[in-house]
């Protein structure tokens, strides 16, 4: 993966490189910072600033769309410039600066502007970061590297609300003060990133698509696009976590305990992500991803039939496990399919398309739940999982001579 003339991909601990360890730490701190405040933004908008509930949807819709679109732009320009670190540092820094600005919001549109800035930072950094991660590890351990990174990211997301829970009483339940405190972790993340992460600055000889004029969406190749279609079909069947929590409430989990199944799912994901990544390096990223599709489809089918608390808690744990087979491994497959010089472009397209697909997925899932019942909605998700499996199986059979695909 990396140039043998440098030691960028040389393992530093646990079989992964220093770059991967540092970027995992950065993601942990940034997600801790973000999830300290994210659950409270709807309350801040409606209760403090007096915004209507519909405005909450506008804020998050604009935020998600901004991040998805910019991922394609940043990934492509990172490839053209053959530098990833400036985009990554700039993206994390922009998000870090946006968080404390929430403390000074005096009107709902201020929050919209801040969320736009925050998601601009996310869109700016994600694709170049994934590209640099893939270039900062040896080929035989790329699944492990992405597994470590996704585990650290999700662990930060789980820790954020718990830190907020501990801080809020000390801050007198003042949300504006919480927004200010959230800056600390994200600032430390940017400092660590700037000091310790090394860029992968490519020369023209670094790969078959390293030259700017050769970096195009057409150069990504048919195997990548077949995989992208499979990933998008799977995303179109994804049930939002909000629906899973609603299902938990239907089964009988008390209102005060509703966040706990979600926390359990994240913790299981964090625990399994790196071991599953290591497994994928041994048995093939393709095979591991297919196991994840099957497991997720089975979990959706069981959600349609679950009627006991024991079954529900078990399904939330299996749901986290299924995503451990999909999240990091999917990114490792992109690294298998695309040459180094075009990986920013590929990750930008992959992250954007799968992210955008989640919006119609949630709308259709909610429509099916409302008019045909929860069982129909979950069966629909499982069916699209089966369709994704078939598309991916075609990729395996059509391009089976290519390693790890």
Protein backbone atom coordinates (compact mmCIF):
# COMPACT_ATOMS: atom_id res chain seq x y z
CA UNK A 1 0.00 0.00 0.00
CA UNK A 2 2.52 2.59 1.07
CA UNK A 3 5.81 3.42 -0.51
CA UNK A 4 8.45 0.96 0.73
CA UNK A 5 10.88 3.87 1.00
CA UNK A 6 9.15 5.17 4.10
CA UNK A 7 7.80 3.57 7.26
CA UNK A 8 4.35 5.17 7.17
CA UNK A 9 2.62 1.79 7.25
CA UNK A 10 5.07 0.11 9.64
CA UNK A 11 3.19 -1.41 12.63
CA UNK A 12 3.70 0.54 15.85
CA UNK A 13 1.47 -1.41 18.21
CA UNK A 14 -1.23 -4.05 17.99
CA UNK A 15 -0.28 -4.69 14.38
CA UNK A 16 -1.30 -1.20 13.20
CA UNK A 17 0.72 1.87 12.33
CA UNK A 18 1.22 5.07 14.32
CA UNK A 19 -0.88 7.04 11.86
CA UNK A 20 -3.83 4.69 12.37
CA UNK A 21 -3.49 4.80 16.17
CA UNK A 22 -3.32 8.61 16.18
CA UNK A 23 -6.27 9.03 13.81
CA UNK A 24 -8.28 6.59 15.92
CA UNK A 25 -7.51 8.67 19.00
CA UNK A 26 -8.51 11.84 17.14
CA UNK A 27 -11.82 10.30 16.08
CA UNK A 28 -12.50 9.15 19.64
CA UNK A 29 -11.95 12.65 21.04
CA UNK A 30 -13.89 14.38 18.27
CA UNK A 31 -16.89 12.06 18.60
CA UNK A 32 -16.80 12.39 22.37
CA UNK A 33 -16.99 16.15 21.89
CA UNK A 34 -19.77 15.96 19.28
CA UNK A 35 -21.94 13.50 21.18
CA UNK A 36 -21.62 15.51 24.37
CA UNK A 37 -23.85 18.10 22.70
CA UNK A 38 -25.68 16.44 19.79
CA UNK A 39 -28.50 14.87 21.88
CA UNK A 40 -29.21 18.29 23.41
CA UNK A 41 -29.42 20.35 20.22
CA UNK A 42 -33.14 19.56 19.59
CA UNK A 43 -33.96 20.50 23.20
CA UNK A 44 -31.88 23.68 22.94
CA UNK A 45 -33.66 24.66 19.71
CA UNK A 46 -37.21 24.04 20.93
CA UNK A 47 -37.02 24.83 24.65
CA UNK A 48 -34.39 27.59 24.80
CA UNK A 49 -34.68 29.29 21.41
CA UNK A 50 -38.36 28.55 20.81
CA UNK A 51 -37.97 26.91 17.40
CA UNK A 52 -40.79 24.71 16.05
CA UNK A 53 -40.15 20.98 15.93
CA UNK A 54 -40.15 21.07 12.10
CA UNK A 55 -37.10 23.35 12.23
CA UNK A 56 -35.13 20.59 13.97
CA UNK A 57 -35.64 18.42 10.90
CA UNK A 58 -34.49 21.25 8.62
CA UNK A 59 -31.31 21.73 10.64
CA UNK A 60 -30.34 18.06 10.56
CA UNK A 61 -31.37 17.64 6.92
CA UNK A 62 -29.19 20.56 5.82
CA UNK A 63 -26.33 19.30 7.99
CA UNK A 64 -26.39 15.75 6.60
CA UNK A 65 -26.78 16.89 2.99
CA UNK A 66 -23.85 19.31 3.36
CA UNK A 67 -21.54 16.61 4.71
CA UNK A 68 -22.52 14.08 2.03
CA UNK A 69 -21.98 16.43 -0.91
CA UNK A 70 -18.67 17.82 0.35
CA UNK A 71 -17.20 14.34 0.85
CA UNK A 72 -17.09 13.90 -2.92
CA UNK A 73 -15.48 17.30 -3.45
CA UNK A 74 -12.81 16.97 -0.75
CA UNK A 75 -11.88 13.42 -1.68
CA UNK A 76 -11.39 14.34 -5.32
CA UNK A 77 -9.30 17.44 -4.62
CA UNK A 78 -7.16 15.56 -2.10
CA UNK A 79 -6.32 13.10 -4.89
CA UNK A 80 -5.58 15.88 -7.36
CA UNK A 81 -3.25 17.64 -4.91
CA UNK A 82 -1.90 14.27 -3.68
CA UNK A 83 -2.08 15.54 -0.09
CA UNK A 84 -4.61 14.42 2.51
CA UNK A 85 -3.51 15.89 5.83
CA UNK A 86 -4.45 19.54 5.09
CA UNK A 87 -8.04 18.48 4.37
CA UNK A 88 -8.18 16.32 7.49
CA UNK A 89 -6.73 18.95 9.84
CA UNK A 90 -8.86 21.70 8.27
CA UNK A 91 -12.02 19.62 8.60
CA UNK A 92 -11.49 18.71 12.24
CA UNK A 93 -10.47 22.29 13.08
CA UNK A 94 -13.60 23.71 11.45
CA UNK A 95 -15.83 21.34 13.41
CA UNK A 96 -13.96 22.13 16.64
CA UNK A 97 -14.45 25.88 16.16
CA UNK A 98 -18.16 25.44 15.40
CA UNK A 99 -19.09 23.65 18.63
CA UNK A 100 -18.53 26.49 21.15
CA UNK A 101 -20.34 28.92 18.82
CA UNK A 102 -23.57 27.16 19.82
CA UNK A 103 -23.17 28.73 23.26
CA UNK A 104 -23.73 32.17 21.71
CA UNK A 105 -26.72 31.26 19.53
CA UNK A 106 -29.58 33.71 20.06
CA UNK A 107 -31.90 32.56 17.29
CA UNK A 108 -32.72 29.22 15.61
CA UNK A 109 -30.98 30.22 12.38
CA UNK A 110 -27.75 30.66 14.34
CA UNK A 111 -27.89 26.96 15.20
CA UNK A 112 -28.53 26.14 11.54
CA UNK A 113 -25.44 28.14 10.56
CA UNK A 114 -23.29 26.45 13.21
CA UNK A 115 -24.44 22.97 12.21
CA UNK A 116 -23.69 23.86 8.59
CA UNK A 117 -20.13 24.84 9.57
CA UNK A 118 -19.71 21.69 11.66
CA UNK A 119 -20.89 19.39 8.86
CA UNK A 120 -18.78 21.27 6.33
CA UNK A 121 -15.82 20.21 8.46
CA UNK A 122 -17.00 16.60 8.43
CA UNK A 123 -17.49 16.62 4.67
CA UNK A 124 -14.04 18.15 4.25
CA UNK A 125 -12.18 15.52 6.29
CA UNK A 126 -13.87 12.12 5.97
CA UNK A 127 -12.85 10.94 2.49
CA UNK A 128 -9.21 12.16 2.72
CA UNK A 129 -8.97 10.61 6.20
CA UNK A 130 -10.16 7.20 4.98
CA UNK A 131 -7.74 7.43 2.06
CA UNK A 132 -4.82 8.23 4.36
CA UNK A 133 -5.85 5.43 6.73
CA UNK A 134 -5.72 2.94 3.84
CA UNK A 135 -2.28 4.23 2.83
CA UNK A 136 -0.98 4.07 6.41
CA UNK A 137 -1.23 0.33 6.84
CA UNK A 138 0.19 -2.78 5.26
CA UNK A 139 -2.10 -4.55 2.79
CA UNK A 140 -2.46 -7.64 4.96
CA UNK A 141 -3.83 -5.62 7.91
CA UNK A 142 -6.04 -2.98 6.28
CA UNK A 143 -9.20 -4.56 7.71
CA UNK A 144 -7.72 -4.47 11.20
CA UNK A 145 -6.76 -0.82 10.77
CA UNK A 146 -10.24 0.27 9.72
CA UNK A 147 -11.75 -1.89 12.45
CA UNK A 148 -9.63 -0.12 15.04
CA UNK A 149 -10.60 3.29 13.71
CA UNK A 150 -14.34 2.53 13.63
CA UNK A 151 -14.15 1.08 17.14
CA UNK A 152 -12.47 4.22 18.50
CA UNK A 153 -14.96 6.45 16.67
CA UNK A 154 -17.99 4.60 18.05
CA UNK A 155 -16.54 4.37 21.55
CA UNK A 156 -16.23 8.16 21.55
CA UNK A 157 -19.87 8.44 20.45
CA UNK A 158 -20.90 6.23 23.37
CA UNK A 159 -18.71 8.10 25.88
CA UNK A 160 -19.94 11.57 24.87
CA UNK A 161 -23.44 11.38 26.39
CA UNK A 162 -22.02 9.83 29.57
CA UNK A 163 -19.55 12.71 29.96
CA UNK A 164 -22.40 15.16 29.41
CA UNK A 165 -24.47 13.32 32.03
CA UNK A 166 -21.67 13.84 34.55
CA UNK A 167 -20.95 17.45 33.58
CA UNK A 168 -24.45 18.89 33.39
CA UNK A 169 -25.26 18.78 37.14
CA UNK A 170 -21.88 20.42 37.85
CA UNK A 171 -22.72 23.10 35.25
CA UNK A 172 -26.15 23.73 36.72
CA UNK A 173 -27.79 22.09 33.68
CA UNK A 174 -26.65 25.05 31.58
CA UNK A 175 -26.53 23.82 27.96
CA UNK A 176 -24.55 26.85 26.79
CA UNK A 177 -21.77 26.00 29.24
CA UNK A 178 -21.84 22.39 28.04
CA UNK A 179 -21.35 23.61 24.45
CA UNK A 180 -18.31 25.59 25.57
CA UNK A 181 -16.81 22.61 27.42
CA UNK A 182 -17.25 20.39 24.35
CA UNK A 183 -14.52 22.43 22.63
CA UNK A 184 -11.82 21.01 24.93
CA UNK A 185 -11.81 17.46 23.55
CA UNK A 186 -12.09 18.57 19.92
CA UNK A 187 -9.26 21.11 20.36
CA UNK A 188 -6.99 18.43 21.84
CA UNK A 189 -7.90 16.18 18.89
CA UNK A 190 -6.79 18.81 16.35
CA UNK A 191 -3.50 19.41 18.20
CA UNK A 192 -2.72 15.68 18.30
CA UNK A 193 -3.59 15.35 14.62
CA UNK A 194 -1.37 18.24 13.56
CA UNK A 195 1.64 17.09 15.56
CA UNK A 196 1.63 13.32 15.18
CA UNK A 197 -0.02 12.37 11.86
CA UNK A 198 2.25 12.12 8.82
CA UNK A 199 0.88 12.76 5.36
CA UNK A 200 1.31 10.45 2.40
CA UNK A 201 2.61 12.82 -0.29
CA UNK A 202 2.60 10.90 -3.55
CA UNK A 203 4.83 11.28 -6.53
CA UNK A 204 3.68 10.73 -10.08
CA UNK A 205 4.99 7.19 -9.94
CA UNK A 206 2.88 6.28 -6.87
CA UNK A 207 0.13 4.59 -8.85
CA UNK A 208 -1.60 4.21 -12.19
CA UNK A 209 -4.00 7.07 -11.47
CA UNK A 210 -1.73 9.35 -9.52
CA UNK A 211 -1.69 12.12 -12.09
CA UNK A 212 -4.41 14.68 -11.66
CA UNK A 213 -5.59 14.45 -15.26
CA UNK A 214 -6.13 10.69 -14.89
CA UNK A 215 -8.19 10.96 -11.71
CA UNK A 216 -11.80 10.61 -12.80
CA UNK A 217 -14.86 8.73 -11.66
CA UNK A 218 -14.49 6.51 -14.72
CA UNK A 219 -11.02 5.42 -13.56
CA UNK A 220 -12.42 3.80 -10.41
CA UNK A 221 -13.36 0.66 -12.35
CA UNK A 222 -16.36 -1.65 -12.70
CA UNK A 223 -15.67 -3.71 -9.53
CA UNK A 224 -15.81 -0.56 -7.39
CA UNK A 225 -19.12 0.52 -8.92
CA UNK A 226 -20.68 -2.91 -8.49
CA UNK A 227 -19.66 -2.83 -4.84
CA UNK A 228 -21.00 0.72 -4.54
CA UNK A 229 -24.39 -0.39 -5.90
CA UNK A 230 -24.46 -3.25 -3.38
CA UNK A 231 -23.58 -0.88 -0.53
CA UNK A 232 -26.22 1.67 -1.58
CA UNK A 233 -28.93 -1.00 -1.85
CA UNK A 234 -28.00 -2.16 1.66
CA UNK A 235 -28.16 1.45 2.91
CA UNK A 236 -31.59 1.95 1.32
CA UNK A 237 -32.85 -0.83 3.57
CA UNK A 238 -31.21 0.48 6.73
CA UNK A 239 -33.61 1.22 9.56
CA UNK A 240 -32.70 4.37 11.46
CA UNK A 241 -31.65 3.80 15.06
CA UNK A 242 -34.67 5.91 16.03
CA UNK A 243 -36.97 3.17 14.71
CA UNK A 244 -35.10 0.51 16.66
CA UNK A 245 -35.55 2.54 19.83
CA UNK A 246 -39.25 2.96 19.00
CA UNK A 247 -39.50 -0.80 18.64
CA UNK A 248 -37.85 -1.19 22.05
CA UNK A 249 -40.49 1.07 23.55
CA UNK A 250 -43.25 -1.00 21.94
CA UNK A 251 -41.86 -4.19 23.46
CA UNK A 252 -41.89 -2.62 26.91
CA UNK A 253 -38.61 -0.93 27.81
CA UNK A 254 -39.24 1.96 30.21
CA UNK A 255 -38.87 5.48 28.84
CA UNK A 256 -35.94 6.31 31.13
CA UNK A 257 -34.07 3.20 29.93
CA UNK A 258 -34.61 3.69 26.18
CA UNK A 259 -31.07 5.01 25.49
CA UNK A 260 -29.49 1.90 27.02
CA UNK A 261 -30.14 -0.55 24.13
CA UNK A 262 -28.53 2.01 21.80
CA UNK A 263 -25.52 2.28 24.12
CA UNK A 264 -25.30 -1.53 24.24
CA UNK A 265 -25.29 -1.69 20.44
CA UNK A 266 -22.45 0.86 20.24
CA UNK A 267 -20.39 -0.92 22.88
CA UNK A 268 -20.76 -4.27 21.11
CA UNK A 269 -19.76 -2.63 17.83
CA UNK A 270 -16.66 -1.15 19.48
CA UNK A 271 -15.73 -4.47 21.05
CA UNK A 272 -16.08 -6.49 17.83
CA UNK A 273 -14.91 -4.01 15.21
CA UNK A 274 -11.17 -4.59 15.48
CA UNK A 275 -11.34 -8.41 15.92
CA UNK A 276 -13.68 -8.61 12.92
CA UNK A 277 -11.29 -6.41 10.94
CA UNK A 278 -8.46 -8.81 11.77
CA UNK A 279 -10.66 -11.75 10.77
CA UNK A 280 -11.40 -10.07 7.44
CA UNK A 281 -7.67 -9.79 6.72
CA UNK A 282 -7.43 -13.57 7.14
CA UNK A 283 -10.58 -14.85 5.42
CA UNK A 284 -11.03 -12.01 2.91
CA UNK A 285 -12.79 -8.68 3.17
CA UNK A 286 -15.39 -9.85 0.66
CA UNK A 287 -16.36 -12.92 2.68
CA UNK A 288 -16.55 -10.94 5.91
CA UNK A 289 -18.76 -8.27 4.35
CA UNK A 290 -21.14 -10.94 3.05
CA UNK A 291 -21.38 -12.44 6.53
CA UNK A 292 -22.31 -8.98 7.80
CA UNK A 293 -25.07 -8.59 5.20
CA UNK A 294 -26.58 -11.94 6.15
CA UNK A 295 -26.36 -11.21 9.87
CA UNK A 296 -27.97 -7.77 9.51
CA UNK A 297 -30.79 -9.20 7.38
CA UNK A 298 -31.45 -11.90 9.96
CA UNK A 299 -31.50 -9.30 12.76
CA UNK A 300 -34.09 -7.26 10.86
CA UNK A 301 -36.26 -10.36 10.37
CA UNK A 302 -36.05 -11.10 14.09
CA UNK A 303 -36.92 -7.49 14.99
CA UNK A 304 -40.16 -8.07 13.08
CA UNK A 305 -40.97 -10.98 15.38
CA UNK A 306 -39.46 -9.96 18.75
CA UNK A 307 -41.97 -9.65 21.58
CA UNK A 308 -39.87 -10.14 24.72
CA UNK A 309 -37.33 -7.96 26.52
CA UNK A 310 -34.70 -10.71 26.44
CA UNK A 311 -35.06 -11.03 22.67
CA UNK A 312 -34.88 -7.28 22.24
CA UNK A 313 -31.67 -6.82 24.25
CA UNK A 314 -30.13 -9.74 22.33
CA UNK A 315 -31.10 -8.19 19.00
CA UNK A 316 -29.55 -4.83 19.86
CA UNK A 317 -26.31 -6.63 20.70
CA UNK A 318 -26.46 -8.59 17.41
CA UNK A 319 -27.23 -5.37 15.55
CA UNK A 320 -23.98 -3.84 16.84
CA UNK A 321 -22.13 -7.02 15.91
CA UNK A 322 -23.55 -6.98 12.37
CA UNK A 323 -22.32 -3.44 11.81
CA UNK A 324 -18.86 -4.50 12.98
CA UNK A 325 -18.84 -6.86 9.98
CA UNK A 326 -19.83 -4.04 7.63
CA UNK A 327 -18.50 -0.59 8.58
CA UNK A 328 -14.72 -0.93 8.62
CA UNK A 329 -14.68 -3.91 6.25
CA UNK A 330 -16.57 -1.93 3.61
CA UNK A 331 -13.87 0.73 3.70
CA UNK A 332 -11.20 -1.96 3.43
CA UNK A 333 -12.89 -3.29 0.28
CA UNK A 334 -12.69 0.18 -1.29
CA UNK A 335 -8.93 0.09 -0.63
CA UNK A 336 -8.77 -3.32 -2.34
CA UNK A 337 -10.61 -2.11 -5.42
CA UNK A 338 -9.07 1.32 -6.05
CA UNK A 339 -5.46 2.38 -6.58
CA UNK A 340 -3.92 4.75 -4.03
CA UNK A 341 -4.00 7.82 -6.25
CA UNK A 342 -7.80 7.74 -6.58
CA UNK A 343 -8.81 6.60 -3.12
CA UNK A 344 -9.92 10.01 -1.90
CA UNK A 345 -12.28 10.21 -4.88
CA UNK A 346 -13.52 6.66 -4.22
CA UNK A 347 -14.09 7.17 -0.50
CA UNK A 348 -15.83 10.47 -1.18
CA UNK A 349 -18.24 8.79 -3.59
CA UNK A 350 -18.74 5.76 -1.33
CA UNK A 351 -19.40 7.80 1.83
CA UNK A 352 -21.62 10.29 0.01
CA UNK A 353 -23.81 7.75 -1.79
CA UNK A 354 -24.33 5.49 1.22
CA UNK A 355 -24.99 8.53 3.42
CA UNK A 356 -27.51 10.11 1.04
CA UNK A 357 -29.31 6.76 0.69
CA UNK A 358 -30.14 6.82 4.40
CA UNK A 359 -32.60 9.71 3.93
CA UNK A 360 -35.04 7.92 1.57
CA UNK A 361 -34.44 4.75 3.58
CA UNK A 362 -35.76 6.37 6.75
CA UNK A 363 -38.71 8.00 4.95
CA UNK A 364 -39.80 4.75 3.31
CA UNK A 365 -39.26 2.71 6.48
CA UNK A 366 -41.43 5.16 8.45
CA UNK A 367 -44.11 5.09 5.76
CA UNK A 368 -44.22 1.27 5.80
CA UNK A 369 -44.35 1.21 9.61
CA UNK A 370 -47.22 3.70 9.74
CA UNK A 371 -49.40 2.17 7.03
CA UNK A 372 -48.45 -1.53 7.04
CA UNK A 373 -47.01 -2.15 10.51
CA UNK A 374 -43.53 -2.53 11.96
CA UNK A 375 -43.20 -6.15 10.77
CA UNK A 376 -43.58 -5.12 7.12
CA UNK A 377 -40.99 -2.38 7.54
CA UNK A 378 -38.39 -4.71 9.03
CA UNK A 379 -39.09 -7.41 6.42
CA UNK A 380 -38.55 -4.76 3.73
CA UNK A 381 -35.12 -3.98 5.25
CA UNK A 382 -34.22 -7.66 5.35
CA UNK A 383 -35.30 -8.07 1.71
CA UNK A 384 -33.03 -5.24 0.53
CA UNK A 385 -30.25 -6.89 2.50
CA UNK A 386 -30.84 -10.02 0.44
CA UNK A 387 -30.73 -7.99 -2.77
CA UNK A 388 -27.45 -6.42 -1.70
CA UNK A 389 -26.05 -9.89 -0.98
CA UNK A 390 -26.94 -11.05 -4.51
CA UNK A 391 -25.29 -8.03 -6.11
CA UNK A 392 -22.17 -8.57 -4.02
CA UNK A 393 -22.16 -12.27 -4.89
CA UNK A 394 -22.09 -11.26 -8.56
CA UNK A 395 -19.02 -9.14 -7.81
CA UNK A 396 -17.35 -12.13 -6.20
CA UNK A 397 -18.07 -14.45 -9.12
CA UNK A 398 -17.32 -11.91 -11.85
CA UNK A 399 -14.02 -10.68 -10.40
CA UNK A 400 -12.92 -13.63 -8.27
CA UNK A 401 -9.37 -13.52 -9.62
CA UNK A 402 -8.75 -10.25 -7.81
CA UNK A 403 -7.37 -10.61 -4.29
CA UNK A 404 -9.55 -9.88 -1.23
CA UNK A 405 -12.60 -8.89 -3.32
